[in-house]
Amino acid sequence: QLCTFEEPAETERLTVCKTLAPQVLATLKNHDGNTPQSSRFFKTPDNRSAQLESLFKSLYGIDETGLLAEAVAHFKHQEANYPLHTSLIPAVKKLCPWFASQTQSCAPFQQLFQHCIRELKARTKAAVTKPKNWTQNRVLSCTCADCQELQHFLKHPTEQIHRFRIKKERRQHLHQQIDKHQCDMTHQTERKGSPQTLVCTKNHSSYEKRQQQWEIDKALLKELQ
């Protein structure tokens, strides 16, 4: 509010804003480098788009484009803290009409805008290839007999369903390995007989997620262009 005050600029107000501006940016960069993302103040990366929007308007309002350029360089190299889809693109989309209404252009904003365009172009350059068989290139960290059998199943190109008739604790161990390595398969216990049977069924969930994200990125690219 101080930085974007619509009344004629007072020397005292601008002095306060220009004094605080580099400290705000330094605090942000220090937080991103040292503090866990669960911080009570910054919360999660999902709320960073509003912070970026506020920072751009504030620094632009007091003509601190040098600090904005420094901020943009930081955002571009901090993907974990400023994810493309939940932070950078939402901020850019909100800032576009705002900057369009300003009398002066903003080079750092254009840099961020073009960064988003380049990222989306790179992610949509090649179409997602559908798997030709059921092979999954996962390497399990455990080498016990059950996991070796699961590993063989993962590598098998035509076998989609495999049954493990084993005791409960061994079934639970396979559950953990499947989830830990994000294998594309469902696993359900067939509750008959003793011991019961763990039924693993492969799917193409990773491909489906990549395909969905590719379509989202194509739409976002078209929107930004």
C-alpha atoms as a PDB file:
ATOM      1  CA  GLN A   1       0.000   0.000   0.000  1.00  0.00           C
ATOM      2  CA  LEU A   2       2.867   2.371   0.754  1.00  0.00           C
ATOM      3  CA  CYS A   3       4.617   1.609  -2.521  1.00  0.00           C
ATOM      4  CA  THR A   4       1.523   1.893  -4.738  1.00  0.00           C
ATOM      5  CA  PHE A   5      -0.088   4.924  -3.091  1.00  0.00           C
ATOM      6  CA  GLU A   6      -1.915   6.886  -5.796  1.00  0.00           C
ATOM      7  CA  GLU A   7      -1.324  10.333  -4.313  1.00  0.00           C
ATOM      8  CA  PRO A   8       1.725  12.365  -5.464  1.00  0.00           C
ATOM      9  CA  ALA A   9       4.922  10.815  -4.147  1.00  0.00           C
ATOM     10  CA  GLU A  10       6.219  12.261  -0.884  1.00  0.00           C
ATOM     11  CA  THR A  11       9.957  12.153  -0.260  1.00  0.00           C
ATOM     12  CA  GLU A  12       9.552  10.638   3.190  1.00  0.00           C
ATOM     13  CA  ARG A  13       7.262   7.806   2.013  1.00  0.00           C
ATOM     14  CA  LEU A  14       9.527   6.930  -0.926  1.00  0.00           C
ATOM     15  CA  THR A  15      12.578   6.959   1.342  1.00  0.00           C
ATOM     16  CA  VAL A  16      10.912   4.465   3.680  1.00  0.00           C
ATOM     17  CA  CYS A  17       9.844   2.226   0.771  1.00  0.00           C
ATOM     18  CA  LYS A  18      13.232   2.292  -0.934  1.00  0.00           C
ATOM     19  CA  THR A  19      14.945   1.516   2.373  1.00  0.00           C
ATOM     20  CA  LEU A  20      12.679  -1.451   3.070  1.00  0.00           C
ATOM     21  CA  ALA A  21      12.614  -2.855  -0.498  1.00  0.00           C
ATOM     22  CA  PRO A  22      16.088  -4.504  -0.564  1.00  0.00           C
ATOM     23  CA  GLN A  23      15.505  -5.840   2.955  1.00  0.00           C
ATOM     24  CA  VAL A  24      12.233  -7.451   1.874  1.00  0.00           C
ATOM     25  CA  LEU A  25      13.928  -9.139  -1.069  1.00  0.00           C
ATOM     26  CA  ALA A  26      16.887 -10.240   1.081  1.00  0.00           C
ATOM     27  CA  THR A  27      14.498 -11.728   3.647  1.00  0.00           C
ATOM     28  CA  LEU A  28      12.644 -13.620   0.923  1.00  0.00           C
ATOM     29  CA  LYS A  29      15.858 -15.030  -0.581  1.00  0.00           C
ATOM     30  CA  ASN A  30      17.201 -15.957   2.845  1.00  0.00           C
ATOM     31  CA  HIS A  31      13.968 -17.741   3.693  1.00  0.00           C
ATOM     32  CA  ASP A  32      14.005 -19.697   0.433  1.00  0.00           C
ATOM     33  CA  GLY A  33      17.545 -20.844   1.111  1.00  0.00           C
ATOM     34  CA  ASN A  34      17.286 -21.749   4.774  1.00  0.00           C
ATOM     35  CA  THR A  35      13.751 -22.175   6.088  1.00  0.00           C
ATOM     36  CA  PRO A  36      11.521 -25.225   5.511  1.00  0.00           C
ATOM     37  CA  GLN A  37       8.510 -24.636   3.293  1.00  0.00           C
ATOM     38  CA  SER A  38       6.226 -25.424   6.261  1.00  0.00           C
ATOM     39  CA  SER A  39       7.043 -21.969   7.693  1.00  0.00           C
ATOM     40  CA  ARG A  40       4.041 -20.368   9.343  1.00  0.00           C
ATOM     41  CA  PHE A  41       4.661 -17.118   7.466  1.00  0.00           C
ATOM     42  CA  PHE A  42       5.247 -18.336   3.920  1.00  0.00           C
ATOM     43  CA  LYS A  43       3.205 -21.551   4.172  1.00  0.00           C
ATOM     44  CA  THR A  44       3.445 -23.598   0.935  1.00  0.00           C
ATOM     45  CA  PRO A  45       4.572 -22.759  -2.631  1.00  0.00           C
ATOM     46  CA  ASP A  46       0.886 -22.730  -3.628  1.00  0.00           C
ATOM     47  CA  ASN A  47       0.410 -19.261  -2.126  1.00  0.00           C
ATOM     48  CA  ARG A  48       3.527 -17.753  -3.701  1.00  0.00           C
ATOM     49  CA  SER A  49       1.683 -16.340  -6.737  1.00  0.00           C
ATOM     50  CA  ALA A  50      -0.007 -13.690  -4.562  1.00  0.00           C
ATOM     51  CA  GLN A  51       3.361 -12.793  -3.020  1.00  0.00           C
ATOM     52  CA  LEU A  52       4.954 -12.432  -6.457  1.00  0.00           C
ATOM     53  CA  GLU A  53       2.088 -10.243  -7.631  1.00  0.00           C
ATOM     54  CA  SER A  54       2.435  -7.999  -4.569  1.00  0.00           C
ATOM     55  CA  LEU A  55       6.226  -7.794  -4.912  1.00  0.00           C
ATOM     56  CA  PHE A  56       6.046  -6.791  -8.582  1.00  0.00           C
ATOM     57  CA  LYS A  57       3.481  -4.067  -7.956  1.00  0.00           C
ATOM     58  CA  SER A  58       5.409  -2.758  -4.949  1.00  0.00           C
ATOM     59  CA  LEU A  59       8.860  -2.582  -6.547  1.00  0.00           C
ATOM     60  CA  TYR A  60       7.464  -1.246  -9.819  1.00  0.00           C
ATOM     61  CA  GLY A  61       5.565   1.414  -7.854  1.00  0.00           C
ATOM     62  CA  ILE A  62       8.801   2.854  -6.437  1.00  0.00           C
ATOM     63  CA  ASP A  63      10.813   2.370  -9.646  1.00  0.00           C
ATOM     64  CA  GLU A  64      13.040  -0.404  -8.257  1.00  0.00           C
ATOM     65  CA  THR A  65      13.370  -2.355 -11.500  1.00  0.00           C
ATOM     66  CA  GLY A  66      16.900  -3.423 -10.558  1.00  0.00           C
ATOM     67  CA  LEU A  67      15.553  -5.262  -7.516  1.00  0.00           C
ATOM     68  CA  LEU A  68      12.784  -6.731  -9.659  1.00  0.00           C
ATOM     69  CA  ALA A  69      15.374  -8.111 -12.101  1.00  0.00           C
ATOM     70  CA  GLU A  70      17.211  -9.648  -9.146  1.00  0.00           C
ATOM     71  CA  ALA A  71      13.942 -11.125  -7.881  1.00  0.00           C
ATOM     72  CA  VAL A  72      13.107 -12.634 -11.289  1.00  0.00           C
ATOM     73  CA  ALA A  73      16.533 -14.294 -11.493  1.00  0.00           C
ATOM     74  CA  HIS A  74      15.874 -15.778  -8.064  1.00  0.00           C
ATOM     75  CA  PHE A  75      12.393 -17.042  -8.985  1.00  0.00           C
ATOM     76  CA  LYS A  76      13.683 -18.715 -12.156  1.00  0.00           C
ATOM     77  CA  HIS A  77      16.284 -20.719 -10.213  1.00  0.00           C
ATOM     78  CA  GLN A  78      14.026 -21.678  -7.296  1.00  0.00           C
ATOM     79  CA  GLU A  79      11.566 -24.070  -8.943  1.00  0.00           C
ATOM     80  CA  ALA A  80      10.923 -25.916  -5.670  1.00  0.00           C
ATOM     81  CA  ASN A  81       9.794 -22.691  -3.997  1.00  0.00           C
ATOM     82  CA  TYR A  82       8.215 -21.115  -7.086  1.00  0.00           C
ATOM     83  CA  PRO A  83       6.678 -23.907  -9.193  1.00  0.00           C
ATOM     84  CA  LEU A  84       5.837 -22.948 -12.755  1.00  0.00           C
ATOM     85  CA  HIS A  85       2.181 -24.004 -12.625  1.00  0.00           C
ATOM     86  CA  THR A  86       1.175 -22.896  -9.130  1.00  0.00           C
ATOM     87  CA  SER A  87       3.315 -19.781  -8.661  1.00  0.00           C
ATOM     88  CA  LEU A  88       4.871 -18.228 -11.769  1.00  0.00           C
ATOM     89  CA  ILE A  89       2.111 -18.671 -14.360  1.00  0.00           C
ATOM     90  CA  PRO A  90      -0.766 -17.619 -12.037  1.00  0.00           C
ATOM     91  CA  ALA A  91       1.213 -14.505 -11.060  1.00  0.00           C
ATOM     92  CA  VAL A  92       1.993 -13.656 -14.679  1.00  0.00           C
ATOM     93  CA  LYS A  93      -1.657 -14.076 -15.701  1.00  0.00           C
ATOM     94  CA  LYS A  94      -2.806 -11.719 -12.942  1.00  0.00           C
ATOM     95  CA  LEU A  95      -0.084  -9.155 -13.637  1.00  0.00           C
ATOM     96  CA  CYS A  96      -0.592  -9.009 -17.434  1.00  0.00           C
ATOM     97  CA  PRO A  97      -3.687  -6.750 -17.387  1.00  0.00           C
ATOM     98  CA  TRP A  98      -2.211  -4.669 -14.569  1.00  0.00           C
ATOM     99  CA  PHE A  99       1.005  -3.924 -16.454  1.00  0.00           C
ATOM    100  CA  ALA A 100      -1.001  -3.293 -19.628  1.00  0.00           C
ATOM    101  CA  SER A 101      -2.651  -0.383 -17.815  1.00  0.00           C
ATOM    102  CA  GLN A 102       0.667   1.176 -16.739  1.00  0.00           C
ATOM    103  CA  THR A 103       2.353   3.956 -18.666  1.00  0.00           C
ATOM    104  CA  GLN A 104       5.854   2.458 -18.476  1.00  0.00           C
ATOM    105  CA  SER A 105       6.903  -1.033 -19.539  1.00  0.00           C
ATOM    106  CA  CYS A 106       8.635  -3.364 -17.085  1.00  0.00           C
ATOM    107  CA  ALA A 107      11.584  -5.348 -18.467  1.00  0.00           C
ATOM    108  CA  PRO A 108      11.813  -7.771 -15.482  1.00  0.00           C
ATOM    109  CA  PHE A 109       8.155  -8.680 -15.914  1.00  0.00           C
ATOM    110  CA  GLN A 110       8.728  -9.370 -19.594  1.00  0.00           C
ATOM    111  CA  GLN A 111      11.656 -11.596 -18.607  1.00  0.00           C
ATOM    112  CA  LEU A 112       9.421 -13.606 -16.284  1.00  0.00           C
ATOM    113  CA  PHE A 113       6.680 -13.757 -18.906  1.00  0.00           C
ATOM    114  CA  GLN A 114       9.094 -15.046 -21.561  1.00  0.00           C
ATOM    115  CA  HIS A 115      10.533 -17.542 -19.074  1.00  0.00           C
ATOM    116  CA  CYS A 116       7.065 -19.057 -18.647  1.00  0.00           C
ATOM    117  CA  ILE A 117       6.609 -19.183 -22.432  1.00  0.00           C
ATOM    118  CA  ARG A 118       9.969 -20.931 -22.933  1.00  0.00           C
ATOM    119  CA  GLU A 119       9.249 -23.467 -20.194  1.00  0.00           C
ATOM    120  CA  LEU A 120       5.854 -24.339 -21.662  1.00  0.00           C
ATOM    121  CA  LYS A 121       7.312 -24.625 -25.164  1.00  0.00           C
ATOM    122  CA  ALA A 122       9.998 -26.996 -23.908  1.00  0.00           C
ATOM    123  CA  ARG A 123       7.445 -29.132 -22.067  1.00  0.00           C
ATOM    124  CA  THR A 124       5.138 -29.408 -25.074  1.00  0.00           C
ATOM    125  CA  LYS A 125       7.765 -29.721 -27.816  1.00  0.00           C
ATOM    126  CA  ALA A 126       7.343 -33.475 -28.106  1.00  0.00           C
ATOM    127  CA  ALA A 127       4.081 -35.359 -27.718  1.00  0.00           C
ATOM    128  CA  VAL A 128       3.845 -37.890 -24.901  1.00  0.00           C
ATOM    129  CA  THR A 129       4.540 -41.403 -26.170  1.00  0.00           C
ATOM    130  CA  LYS A 130       2.115 -44.113 -25.149  1.00  0.00           C
ATOM    131  CA  PRO A 131       3.811 -47.237 -23.733  1.00  0.00           C
ATOM    132  CA  LYS A 132       3.997 -50.099 -26.218  1.00  0.00           C
ATOM    133  CA  ASN A 133       3.962 -52.831 -23.578  1.00  0.00           C
ATOM    134  CA  TRP A 134       3.715 -53.374 -19.811  1.00  0.00           C
ATOM    135  CA  THR A 135       7.407 -53.007 -18.979  1.00  0.00           C
ATOM    136  CA  GLN A 136       8.129 -50.605 -16.111  1.00  0.00           C
ATOM    137  CA  ASN A 137      11.691 -49.397 -15.591  1.00  0.00           C
ATOM    138  CA  ARG A 138      11.627 -49.259 -11.809  1.00  0.00           C
ATOM    139  CA  VAL A 139      14.558 -50.572  -9.761  1.00  0.00           C
ATOM    140  CA  LEU A 140      13.467 -51.755  -6.330  1.00  0.00           C
ATOM    141  CA  SER A 141      15.743 -50.964  -3.413  1.00  0.00           C
ATOM    142  CA  CYS A 142      15.028 -54.291  -1.683  1.00  0.00           C
ATOM    143  CA  THR A 143      16.467 -57.555  -3.004  1.00  0.00           C
ATOM    144  CA  CYS A 144      14.491 -60.074  -0.955  1.00  0.00           C
ATOM    145  CA  ALA A 145      12.910 -63.016  -2.789  1.00  0.00           C
ATOM    146  CA  ASP A 146       9.465 -61.391  -2.927  1.00  0.00           C
ATOM    147  CA  CYS A 147      10.885 -58.139  -4.277  1.00  0.00           C
ATOM    148  CA  GLN A 148      12.933 -60.003  -6.862  1.00  0.00           C
ATOM    149  CA  GLU A 149       9.717 -61.645  -8.044  1.00  0.00           C
ATOM    150  CA  LEU A 150       8.035 -58.222  -8.130  1.00  0.00           C
ATOM    151  CA  GLN A 151      11.033 -56.797 -10.018  1.00  0.00           C
ATOM    152  CA  HIS A 152      10.737 -59.541 -12.631  1.00  0.00           C
ATOM    153  CA  PHE A 153       7.024 -58.771 -12.963  1.00  0.00           C
ATOM    154  CA  LEU A 154       7.767 -55.066 -13.445  1.00  0.00           C
ATOM    155  CA  LYS A 155      10.202 -55.798 -16.272  1.00  0.00           C
ATOM    156  CA  HIS A 156       7.931 -58.318 -18.021  1.00  0.00           C
ATOM    157  CA  PRO A 157       6.560 -56.775 -21.244  1.00  0.00           C
ATOM    158  CA  THR A 158       3.340 -58.810 -21.566  1.00  0.00           C
ATOM    159  CA  GLU A 159       2.370 -59.849 -18.031  1.00  0.00           C
ATOM    160  CA  GLN A 160      -0.184 -57.399 -16.628  1.00  0.00           C
ATOM    161  CA  ILE A 161      -1.450 -59.309 -13.582  1.00  0.00           C
ATOM    162  CA  HIS A 162       0.621 -61.202 -11.034  1.00  0.00           C
ATOM    163  CA  ARG A 163      -0.434 -62.997  -7.851  1.00  0.00           C
ATOM    164  CA  PHE A 164       1.629 -63.298  -4.663  1.00  0.00           C
ATOM    165  CA  ARG A 165       0.218 -65.937  -2.315  1.00  0.00           C
ATOM    166  CA  ILE A 166       2.196 -64.987   0.783  1.00  0.00           C
ATOM    167  CA  LYS A 167       1.711 -64.150   4.457  1.00  0.00           C
ATOM    168  CA  LYS A 168       0.369 -60.792   5.633  1.00  0.00           C
ATOM    169  CA  GLU A 169       3.694 -59.239   6.672  1.00  0.00           C
ATOM    170  CA  ARG A 170       5.217 -60.099   3.293  1.00  0.00           C
ATOM    171  CA  ARG A 171       2.198 -58.643   1.476  1.00  0.00           C
ATOM    172  CA  GLN A 172       2.581 -55.449   3.521  1.00  0.00           C
ATOM    173  CA  HIS A 173       6.255 -55.290   2.569  1.00  0.00           C
ATOM    174  CA  LEU A 174       5.340 -55.463  -1.120  1.00  0.00           C
ATOM    175  CA  HIS A 175       2.702 -52.753  -0.571  1.00  0.00           C
ATOM    176  CA  GLN A 176       5.428 -50.500   0.813  1.00  0.00           C
ATOM    177  CA  GLN A 177       7.822 -51.190  -2.050  1.00  0.00           C
ATOM    178  CA  ILE A 178       5.154 -50.583  -4.699  1.00  0.00           C
ATOM    179  CA  ASP A 179       4.158 -47.273  -3.134  1.00  0.00           C
ATOM    180  CA  LYS A 180       7.732 -46.204  -2.380  1.00  0.00           C
ATOM    181  CA  HIS A 181       8.841 -46.667  -5.996  1.00  0.00           C
ATOM    182  CA  GLN A 182       5.588 -45.287  -7.436  1.00  0.00           C
ATOM    183  CA  CYS A 183       4.946 -48.340  -9.553  1.00  0.00           C
ATOM    184  CA  ASP A 184       2.117 -48.068 -12.047  1.00  0.00           C
ATOM    185  CA  MET A 185      -0.095 -50.750 -10.606  1.00  0.00           C
ATOM    186  CA  THR A 186      -2.928 -51.428  -8.223  1.00  0.00           C
ATOM    187  CA  HIS A 187      -2.515 -53.990  -5.442  1.00  0.00           C
ATOM    188  CA  GLN A 188      -5.414 -55.683  -3.701  1.00  0.00           C
ATOM    189  CA  THR A 189      -5.635 -58.643  -1.364  1.00  0.00           C
ATOM    190  CA  GLU A 190      -7.762 -61.534  -2.531  1.00  0.00           C
ATOM    191  CA  ARG A 191      -9.260 -62.630   0.780  1.00  0.00           C
ATOM    192  CA  LYS A 192      -9.652 -66.352   0.301  1.00  0.00           C
ATOM    193  CA  GLY A 193      -7.396 -69.239   1.149  1.00  0.00           C
ATOM    194  CA  SER A 194      -4.503 -69.214   3.568  1.00  0.00           C
ATOM    195  CA  PRO A 195      -2.226 -67.463   3.063  1.00  0.00           C
ATOM    196  CA  GLN A 196      -4.223 -64.863   1.171  1.00  0.00           C
ATOM    197  CA  THR A 197      -3.160 -63.584  -2.249  1.00  0.00           C
ATOM    198  CA  LEU A 198      -1.895 -60.127  -3.198  1.00  0.00           C
ATOM    199  CA  VAL A 199      -3.097 -59.358  -6.724  1.00  0.00           C
ATOM    200  CA  CYS A 200      -0.986 -56.761  -8.563  1.00  0.00           C
ATOM    201  CA  THR A 201      -2.356 -55.256 -11.773  1.00  0.00           C
ATOM    202  CA  LYS A 202      -0.256 -52.959 -13.940  1.00  0.00           C
ATOM    203  CA  ASN A 203      -1.686 -49.783 -15.472  1.00  0.00           C
ATOM    204  CA  HIS A 204      -0.433 -46.772 -17.430  1.00  0.00           C
ATOM    205  CA  SER A 205      -1.169 -44.118 -14.802  1.00  0.00           C
ATOM    206  CA  SER A 206       2.183 -42.326 -15.259  1.00  0.00           C
ATOM    207  CA  TYR A 207       1.586 -41.990 -18.989  1.00  0.00           C
ATOM    208  CA  GLU A 208      -1.969 -40.780 -18.402  1.00  0.00           C
ATOM    209  CA  LYS A 209      -0.746 -38.114 -15.950  1.00  0.00           C
ATOM    210  CA  ARG A 210       1.967 -36.955 -18.385  1.00  0.00           C
ATOM    211  CA  GLN A 211      -0.563 -36.815 -21.218  1.00  0.00           C
ATOM    212  CA  GLN A 212      -2.981 -34.800 -19.106  1.00  0.00           C
ATOM    213  CA  GLN A 213      -0.223 -32.386 -18.064  1.00  0.00           C
ATOM    214  CA  TRP A 214       0.902 -32.042 -21.707  1.00  0.00           C
ATOM    215  CA  GLU A 215      -2.622 -31.016 -22.708  1.00  0.00           C
ATOM    216  CA  ILE A 216      -2.785 -28.529 -19.818  1.00  0.00           C
ATOM    217  CA  ASP A 217       0.576 -27.040 -20.827  1.00  0.00           C
ATOM    218  CA  LYS A 218      -0.511 -26.719 -24.464  1.00  0.00           C
ATOM    219  CA  ALA A 219      -3.607 -24.814 -23.354  1.00  0.00           C
ATOM    220  CA  LEU A 220      -1.575 -22.571 -21.030  1.00  0.00           C
ATOM    221  CA  LEU A 221       0.941 -21.828 -23.778  1.00  0.00           C
ATOM    222  CA  LYS A 222      -1.834 -20.851 -26.181  1.00  0.00           C
ATOM    223  CA  GLU A 223      -3.400 -18.634 -23.509  1.00  0.00           C
ATOM    224  CA  LEU A 224      -0.148 -16.811 -22.721  1.00  0.00           C
ATOM    225  CA  GLN A 225       0.735 -16.401 -26.407  1.00  0.00           C
END
